[in-house]
Amino acid sequence: MKKIKVLVTGINSGVGLSIYKSLKISELKLDIYCADIDNKFSLAPIFKKYLNFPKVEKKSSLKKIVDILKKNKIDVLFIGSEFEIEFFAKNSDFIFKKTNTKVCVQPYQTIKIFNNKLSTYNYLKNDVLMPKTVEVKNLIEAKKKGKELKFPFYIKPRIGTSARGIYLINSMKDLEFYFDKVNKPILQKIIPNNNFVEYTCGIFKDKENELIGPFIVKRFLKHGTSWVASRVFSKKLVRQILEITKRITFHGSINLQFKLGKNNRIYLLEINPRLSGTTVFRANLGFNEPEMFIKNFILRKKIKFKDQKNKGFLFRHFDEIFLVNKKIFKNKWL
């Protein structure tokens, strides 16, 4: 069987690298290409098959992307950059018709709802326990609604990734200082219990609408990234997660982030309608979502997933890659 040609965008991001590493440990025969919009200050030199991608916000980007996919005969495209998700959701059918490349992306309407923290809250607040989230258009309105929420609370951008633009507000002075630093801000109440521990979980829906997972991870964050994480086994959490997913239209992978309140009740923080930075952690414990997508949506095979109940921990750390006289000293996973 010939190798399946796979392209991962946003390779300079944590999500892009997580997808790439998951594909590298797959049992499938894959020919993996990587892409990003910038190779000047990036990981470009260490990848054998690296492509420059246009910025999706530019008018000519769709034509250029179609040409790149055609030229390299890409079978499946994984999106590692959150900024590109809406573009590819909107254009995935067109791209498939022109290139025969299957884009791993959620339906456009799902992206529109869940890629935005405010619309996620408004869509689910009547059915799912969530921290109160309010829209603010100016500082005067923010001060008024901040008093109603009571300190402390968070100010966040409606659309964002990791912890960018998220600030803890303990006073009016904090609110005045940070308000202009946040694009399209919202205010969000703090969960009353276990504020320093967060959970993330991946769940996969196949072509037959059968759910695989959820795979639950307890994590401690650093700069918005899972820095130390461990797998969690809990039937009570599984039941709550499955109830939430009934309200979401999706296929392939989604990622839920939540905290726990009293009696281990889930307070949903956000839904990421995509693969995540912890995808590689799950893959190393046998829950390889990029591989499942290729098997099910490209090769049209039934996913026969048997959870081995592997316990595991994730520890992230900084590392260096050296380029000396055009010789690259790199990690084993590369």
Protein backbone atom coordinates (compact mmCIF):
# COMPACT_ATOMS: atom_id res chain seq x y z
CA MET A 1 0.00 0.00 0.00
CA LYS A 2 1.29 3.45 -0.91
CA LYS A 3 2.01 5.98 1.81
CA ILE A 4 -0.72 8.44 2.73
CA LYS A 5 0.42 12.01 2.20
CA VAL A 6 -0.38 14.16 5.22
CA LEU A 7 0.14 17.90 5.69
CA VAL A 8 0.14 19.58 9.13
CA THR A 9 -0.21 23.37 9.19
CA GLY A 10 0.85 25.66 12.04
CA ILE A 11 3.86 23.48 12.73
CA ASN A 12 5.50 26.25 14.78
CA SER A 13 2.63 26.10 17.29
CA GLY A 14 2.13 23.70 20.19
CA VAL A 15 -0.96 22.20 18.56
CA GLY A 16 0.76 21.70 15.21
CA LEU A 17 3.71 19.95 16.84
CA SER A 18 1.36 17.82 18.92
CA ILE A 19 -0.43 16.60 15.79
CA TYR A 20 2.91 15.98 14.03
CA LYS A 21 4.30 13.92 16.92
CA SER A 22 1.08 11.88 17.10
CA LEU A 23 1.36 11.08 13.39
CA LYS A 24 5.03 10.11 13.81
CA ILE A 25 4.12 7.32 16.26
CA SER A 26 1.22 6.05 14.15
CA GLU A 27 1.28 2.50 12.84
CA LEU A 28 0.10 3.79 9.45
CA LYS A 29 2.41 4.35 6.50
CA LEU A 30 2.51 8.12 6.26
CA ASP A 31 4.44 10.68 4.26
CA ILE A 32 4.29 13.76 6.51
CA TYR A 33 4.64 17.33 5.27
CA CYS A 34 4.72 20.39 7.52
CA ALA A 35 3.70 23.97 6.81
CA ASP A 36 3.55 27.40 8.41
CA ILE A 37 3.25 31.02 7.34
CA ASP A 38 6.76 31.93 8.47
CA ASN A 39 10.06 30.08 8.20
CA LYS A 40 12.38 32.89 9.19
CA PHE A 41 12.26 32.28 12.94
CA SER A 42 10.82 28.80 13.05
CA LEU A 43 11.40 25.06 13.07
CA ALA A 44 11.55 25.03 9.26
CA PRO A 45 15.21 23.90 8.97
CA ILE A 46 14.63 20.68 10.90
CA PHE A 47 11.83 19.27 8.76
CA LYS A 48 12.70 17.47 5.54
CA LYS A 49 9.36 18.35 3.95
CA TYR A 50 8.48 21.91 4.92
CA LEU A 51 6.15 24.12 2.90
CA ASN A 52 5.51 27.86 3.14
CA PHE A 53 1.80 28.54 3.56
CA PRO A 54 0.07 31.84 2.78
CA LYS A 55 -1.81 33.74 5.47
CA VAL A 56 -5.44 32.69 5.15
CA GLU A 57 -6.70 36.27 5.60
CA LYS A 58 -5.15 37.29 2.26
CA LYS A 59 -7.47 37.25 -0.77
CA SER A 60 -5.24 35.04 -2.90
CA SER A 61 -4.66 32.44 -0.17
CA LEU A 62 -7.30 29.91 -1.25
CA LYS A 63 -5.89 29.60 -4.77
CA LYS A 64 -2.34 29.29 -3.43
CA ILE A 65 -3.35 26.61 -0.91
CA VAL A 66 -5.19 24.64 -3.61
CA ASP A 67 -2.06 24.81 -5.79
CA ILE A 68 0.16 23.60 -2.92
CA LEU A 69 -2.13 20.68 -2.13
CA LYS A 70 -2.41 19.71 -5.81
CA LYS A 71 1.32 19.94 -6.45
CA ASN A 72 2.21 17.76 -3.47
CA LYS A 73 -0.78 15.40 -3.88
CA ILE A 74 -1.81 15.73 -0.24
CA ASP A 75 -4.43 13.20 0.92
CA VAL A 76 -5.32 14.73 4.29
CA LEU A 77 -4.78 18.14 5.86
CA PHE A 78 -4.54 18.70 9.65
CA ILE A 79 -4.82 22.24 10.99
CA GLY A 80 -2.37 23.16 13.72
CA SER A 81 -3.13 26.87 13.82
CA GLU A 82 -6.30 28.07 15.52
CA PHE A 83 -6.31 31.15 13.30
CA GLU A 84 -6.87 28.98 10.22
CA ILE A 85 -9.78 26.86 11.49
CA GLU A 86 -12.68 29.05 10.38
CA PHE A 87 -11.13 29.55 6.92
CA PHE A 88 -10.72 25.80 6.33
CA ALA A 89 -14.16 24.99 7.74
CA LYS A 90 -15.68 27.44 5.27
CA ASN A 91 -13.64 26.14 2.31
CA SER A 92 -13.17 22.43 3.06
CA ASP A 93 -15.72 21.21 0.48
CA PHE A 94 -14.27 23.45 -2.22
CA ILE A 95 -10.73 22.27 -1.40
CA PHE A 96 -11.80 18.63 -1.60
CA LYS A 97 -13.45 19.14 -5.00
CA LYS A 98 -10.38 20.85 -6.41
CA THR A 99 -7.64 18.70 -4.83
CA ASN A 100 -9.21 15.52 -3.39
CA THR A 101 -7.62 16.53 -0.06
CA LYS A 102 -9.72 15.73 3.01
CA VAL A 103 -9.51 18.54 5.57
CA CYS A 104 -9.71 17.49 9.22
CA VAL A 105 -12.04 20.24 10.42
CA GLN A 106 -15.42 20.56 12.11
CA PRO A 107 -18.57 21.84 10.32
CA TYR A 108 -18.51 25.61 9.78
CA GLN A 109 -21.49 26.28 12.07
CA THR A 110 -19.83 24.29 14.88
CA ILE A 111 -16.67 26.37 14.48
CA LYS A 112 -18.65 29.62 14.52
CA ILE A 113 -20.29 28.70 17.84
CA PHE A 114 -17.49 27.03 19.77
CA ASN A 115 -14.48 28.97 18.54
CA ASN A 116 -15.95 31.91 20.48
CA LYS A 117 -16.16 31.79 24.29
CA LEU A 118 -19.15 34.12 24.44
CA SER A 119 -21.23 32.26 21.84
CA THR A 120 -20.28 28.95 23.51
CA TYR A 121 -21.68 30.26 26.80
CA ASN A 122 -24.86 31.62 25.20
CA TYR A 123 -25.42 28.35 23.30
CA LEU A 124 -24.97 26.01 26.29
CA LYS A 125 -25.77 28.06 29.42
CA ASN A 126 -29.33 26.73 29.79
CA ASP A 127 -28.24 23.08 29.66
CA VAL A 128 -24.65 22.97 30.93
CA LEU A 129 -23.08 24.28 34.14
CA MET A 130 -20.71 27.10 33.11
CA PRO A 131 -19.10 30.11 34.81
CA LYS A 132 -21.18 33.21 34.11
CA THR A 133 -19.77 35.03 31.10
CA VAL A 134 -20.78 38.54 30.05
CA GLU A 135 -20.08 40.70 27.02
CA VAL A 136 -18.64 44.18 27.59
CA LYS A 137 -18.35 46.82 24.86
CA ASN A 138 -16.50 49.53 26.77
CA LEU A 139 -14.80 50.20 30.09
CA ILE A 140 -17.86 51.85 31.66
CA GLU A 141 -19.95 48.77 30.91
CA ALA A 142 -17.11 46.51 32.11
CA LYS A 143 -16.99 48.32 35.48
CA LYS A 144 -20.76 48.02 35.92
CA LYS A 145 -20.90 44.31 35.04
CA GLY A 146 -17.69 43.65 36.98
CA LYS A 147 -19.37 44.89 40.14
CA GLU A 148 -22.24 42.49 39.49
CA LEU A 149 -19.87 39.54 39.01
CA LYS A 150 -17.86 40.54 42.10
CA PHE A 151 -14.07 40.32 42.35
CA PRO A 152 -12.06 38.34 41.44
CA PHE A 153 -13.00 37.46 37.85
CA TYR A 154 -11.23 37.00 34.51
CA ILE A 155 -11.14 39.26 31.50
CA LYS A 156 -10.62 37.28 28.28
CA PRO A 157 -10.82 37.70 24.50
CA ARG A 158 -13.86 36.03 22.94
CA ILE A 159 -11.60 34.19 20.52
CA GLY A 160 -8.14 33.12 21.62
CA THR A 161 -5.73 30.32 22.28
CA SER A 162 -3.75 29.20 25.36
CA ALA A 163 -3.73 32.01 27.96
CA ARG A 164 -3.13 34.89 25.57
CA GLY A 165 -4.98 38.00 26.66
CA ILE A 166 -6.41 36.41 29.82
CA TYR A 167 -5.99 38.41 33.03
CA LEU A 168 -7.15 37.91 36.60
CA ILE A 169 -9.01 41.00 37.83
CA ASN A 170 -8.93 41.67 41.57
CA SER A 171 -9.88 45.37 41.57
CA MET A 172 -11.16 48.25 39.46
CA LYS A 173 -7.56 49.35 38.97
CA ASP A 174 -6.77 45.95 37.43
CA LEU A 175 -9.79 46.27 35.14
CA GLU A 176 -8.79 49.77 34.03
CA PHE A 177 -5.21 48.63 33.35
CA TYR A 178 -6.02 45.46 31.38
CA PHE A 179 -9.21 46.40 29.54
CA ASP A 180 -7.53 47.93 26.48
CA LYS A 181 -5.09 45.03 26.25
CA VAL A 182 -7.85 42.52 25.42
CA ASN A 183 -9.42 42.23 21.97
CA LYS A 184 -13.24 41.98 22.08
CA PRO A 185 -13.27 41.32 25.83
CA ILE A 186 -15.61 39.26 27.97
CA LEU A 187 -15.74 38.95 31.74
CA GLN A 188 -15.95 35.49 33.27
CA LYS A 189 -16.74 34.51 36.83
CA ILE A 190 -14.22 32.34 38.68
CA ILE A 191 -15.21 28.76 39.54
CA PRO A 192 -15.78 28.62 43.32
CA ASN A 193 -13.67 25.52 43.88
CA ASN A 194 -10.30 24.07 42.72
CA ASN A 195 -9.22 27.17 40.80
CA PHE A 196 -5.65 25.99 40.25
CA VAL A 197 -6.49 22.63 38.69
CA GLU A 198 -7.98 22.30 35.23
CA TYR A 199 -9.12 19.33 33.18
CA THR A 200 -9.08 18.71 29.47
CA CYS A 201 -10.54 15.81 27.56
CA GLY A 202 -10.55 14.58 24.00
CA ILE A 203 -13.46 12.74 22.43
CA PHE A 204 -13.70 11.31 18.90
CA LYS A 205 -16.85 10.74 16.81
CA ASP A 206 -16.46 8.44 13.81
CA LYS A 207 -18.30 8.39 10.46
CA GLU A 208 -21.00 6.19 11.97
CA ASN A 209 -21.55 8.76 14.77
CA GLU A 210 -20.15 6.43 17.42
CA LEU A 211 -18.20 8.06 20.23
CA ILE A 212 -14.71 6.94 21.22
CA GLY A 213 -13.54 8.24 24.58
CA PRO A 214 -13.57 10.53 26.39
CA PHE A 215 -9.91 10.55 27.37
CA ILE A 216 -9.66 12.77 30.46
CA VAL A 217 -6.53 14.59 31.62
CA LYS A 218 -5.93 16.57 34.80
CA ARG A 219 -3.42 19.33 34.19
CA PHE A 220 -1.44 22.17 35.67
CA LEU A 221 -0.89 25.08 33.31
CA LYS A 222 2.10 27.24 32.50
CA HIS A 223 1.53 30.15 30.13
CA GLY A 224 -1.76 28.53 29.12
CA THR A 225 -0.08 25.24 28.16
CA SER A 226 -0.42 21.86 29.87
CA TRP A 227 2.90 21.65 31.72
CA VAL A 228 2.28 18.70 34.03
CA ALA A 229 -0.64 16.38 33.34
CA SER A 230 -1.96 12.98 34.35
CA ARG A 231 -4.67 10.72 33.05
CA VAL A 232 -7.92 10.55 35.03
CA PHE A 233 -10.36 7.64 35.30
CA SER A 234 -13.82 8.66 36.52
CA LYS A 235 -17.20 7.22 35.54
CA LYS A 236 -18.92 10.27 37.03
CA LEU A 237 -16.95 12.65 34.81
CA VAL A 238 -17.49 10.44 31.75
CA ARG A 239 -21.27 10.58 32.25
CA GLN A 240 -21.23 14.37 32.50
CA ILE A 241 -18.98 14.76 29.44
CA LEU A 242 -21.21 12.51 27.33
CA GLU A 243 -24.23 14.59 28.31
CA ILE A 244 -22.45 17.74 27.12
CA THR A 245 -21.42 16.20 23.78
CA LYS A 246 -25.07 15.38 22.99
CA ARG A 247 -25.57 19.12 22.48
CA ILE A 248 -22.71 19.49 19.98
CA THR A 249 -22.71 18.71 16.26
CA PHE A 250 -19.26 17.38 15.39
CA HIS A 251 -17.21 14.64 13.76
CA GLY A 252 -13.63 13.61 14.42
CA SER A 253 -12.05 15.25 17.49
CA ILE A 254 -13.17 17.94 19.89
CA ASN A 255 -11.57 19.05 23.13
CA LEU A 256 -13.44 20.08 26.29
CA GLN A 257 -11.83 22.15 29.03
CA PHE A 258 -13.39 22.32 32.46
CA LYS A 259 -12.91 22.68 36.19
CA LEU A 260 -14.68 20.91 39.02
CA GLY A 261 -17.03 22.51 41.50
CA LYS A 262 -18.67 20.97 44.51
CA ASN A 263 -19.43 17.24 44.38
CA ASN A 264 -17.19 16.91 41.30
CA ARG A 265 -19.67 18.70 39.07
CA ILE A 266 -18.17 19.88 35.79
CA TYR A 267 -18.00 23.62 35.13
CA LEU A 268 -17.37 23.83 31.40
CA LEU A 269 -14.87 26.55 30.49
CA GLU A 270 -14.71 26.16 26.73
CA ILE A 271 -14.95 23.73 23.85
CA ASN A 272 -12.14 23.62 21.32
CA PRO A 273 -13.60 22.25 18.06
CA ARG A 274 -10.22 20.86 16.99
CA LEU A 275 -7.22 18.81 18.03
CA SER A 276 -5.18 20.19 20.92
CA GLY A 277 -1.75 20.50 22.49
CA THR A 278 -2.45 17.40 24.62
CA THR A 279 -3.24 15.28 21.55
CA VAL A 280 0.29 13.82 21.67
CA PHE A 281 -0.12 12.84 25.34
CA ARG A 282 -3.29 10.91 24.54
CA ALA A 283 -1.63 9.36 21.46
CA ASN A 284 1.27 8.02 23.54
CA LEU A 285 -1.24 6.28 25.80
CA GLY A 286 -3.03 4.63 22.87
CA PHE A 287 -5.68 7.26 22.03
CA ASN A 288 -4.26 8.57 18.76
CA GLU A 289 -6.87 10.91 17.28
CA PRO A 290 -5.04 11.94 14.06
CA GLU A 291 -4.49 8.26 13.33
CA MET A 292 -8.16 7.48 14.05
CA PHE A 293 -9.23 10.24 11.66
CA ILE A 294 -7.11 8.84 8.82
CA LYS A 295 -8.25 5.26 9.45
CA ASN A 296 -11.93 6.17 9.59
CA PHE A 297 -12.38 9.16 7.26
CA ILE A 298 -9.66 8.42 4.68
CA LEU A 299 -9.24 4.64 4.66
CA ARG A 300 -12.91 4.10 5.66
CA LYS A 301 -12.01 1.52 8.27
CA LYS A 302 -14.05 0.88 11.38
CA ILE A 303 -12.22 2.06 14.52
CA LYS A 304 -11.71 -0.91 16.82
CA PHE A 305 -10.58 0.97 19.89
CA LYS A 306 -9.94 -0.96 23.06
CA ASP A 307 -8.86 1.25 25.93
CA GLN A 308 -5.91 -0.37 27.67
CA LYS A 309 -6.55 1.92 30.68
CA ASN A 310 -2.94 3.03 30.54
CA LYS A 311 -2.02 5.36 33.35
CA GLY A 312 0.39 8.10 32.44
CA PHE A 313 1.92 11.48 33.15
CA LEU A 314 3.02 14.32 30.89
CA PHE A 315 5.94 16.58 31.82
CA ARG A 316 6.81 19.40 29.43
CA HIS A 317 10.14 21.19 29.40
CA PHE A 318 12.16 23.64 27.36
CA ASP A 319 14.66 22.27 24.88
CA GLU A 320 17.11 23.59 22.31
CA ILE A 321 17.79 22.75 18.69
CA PHE A 322 21.18 23.78 17.32
CA LEU A 323 22.03 24.58 13.74
CA VAL A 324 25.82 24.59 13.30
CA ASN A 325 27.42 24.72 9.85
CA LYS A 326 24.12 23.53 8.42
CA LYS A 327 24.18 20.42 10.62
CA ILE A 328 21.10 20.02 12.77
CA PHE A 329 21.28 18.45 16.22
CA LYS A 330 17.74 17.40 16.92
CA ASN A 331 15.52 15.38 19.21
CA LYS A 332 14.70 11.74 18.52
CA TRP A 333 11.06 12.47 17.68
CA LEU A 334 12.17 14.58 14.72
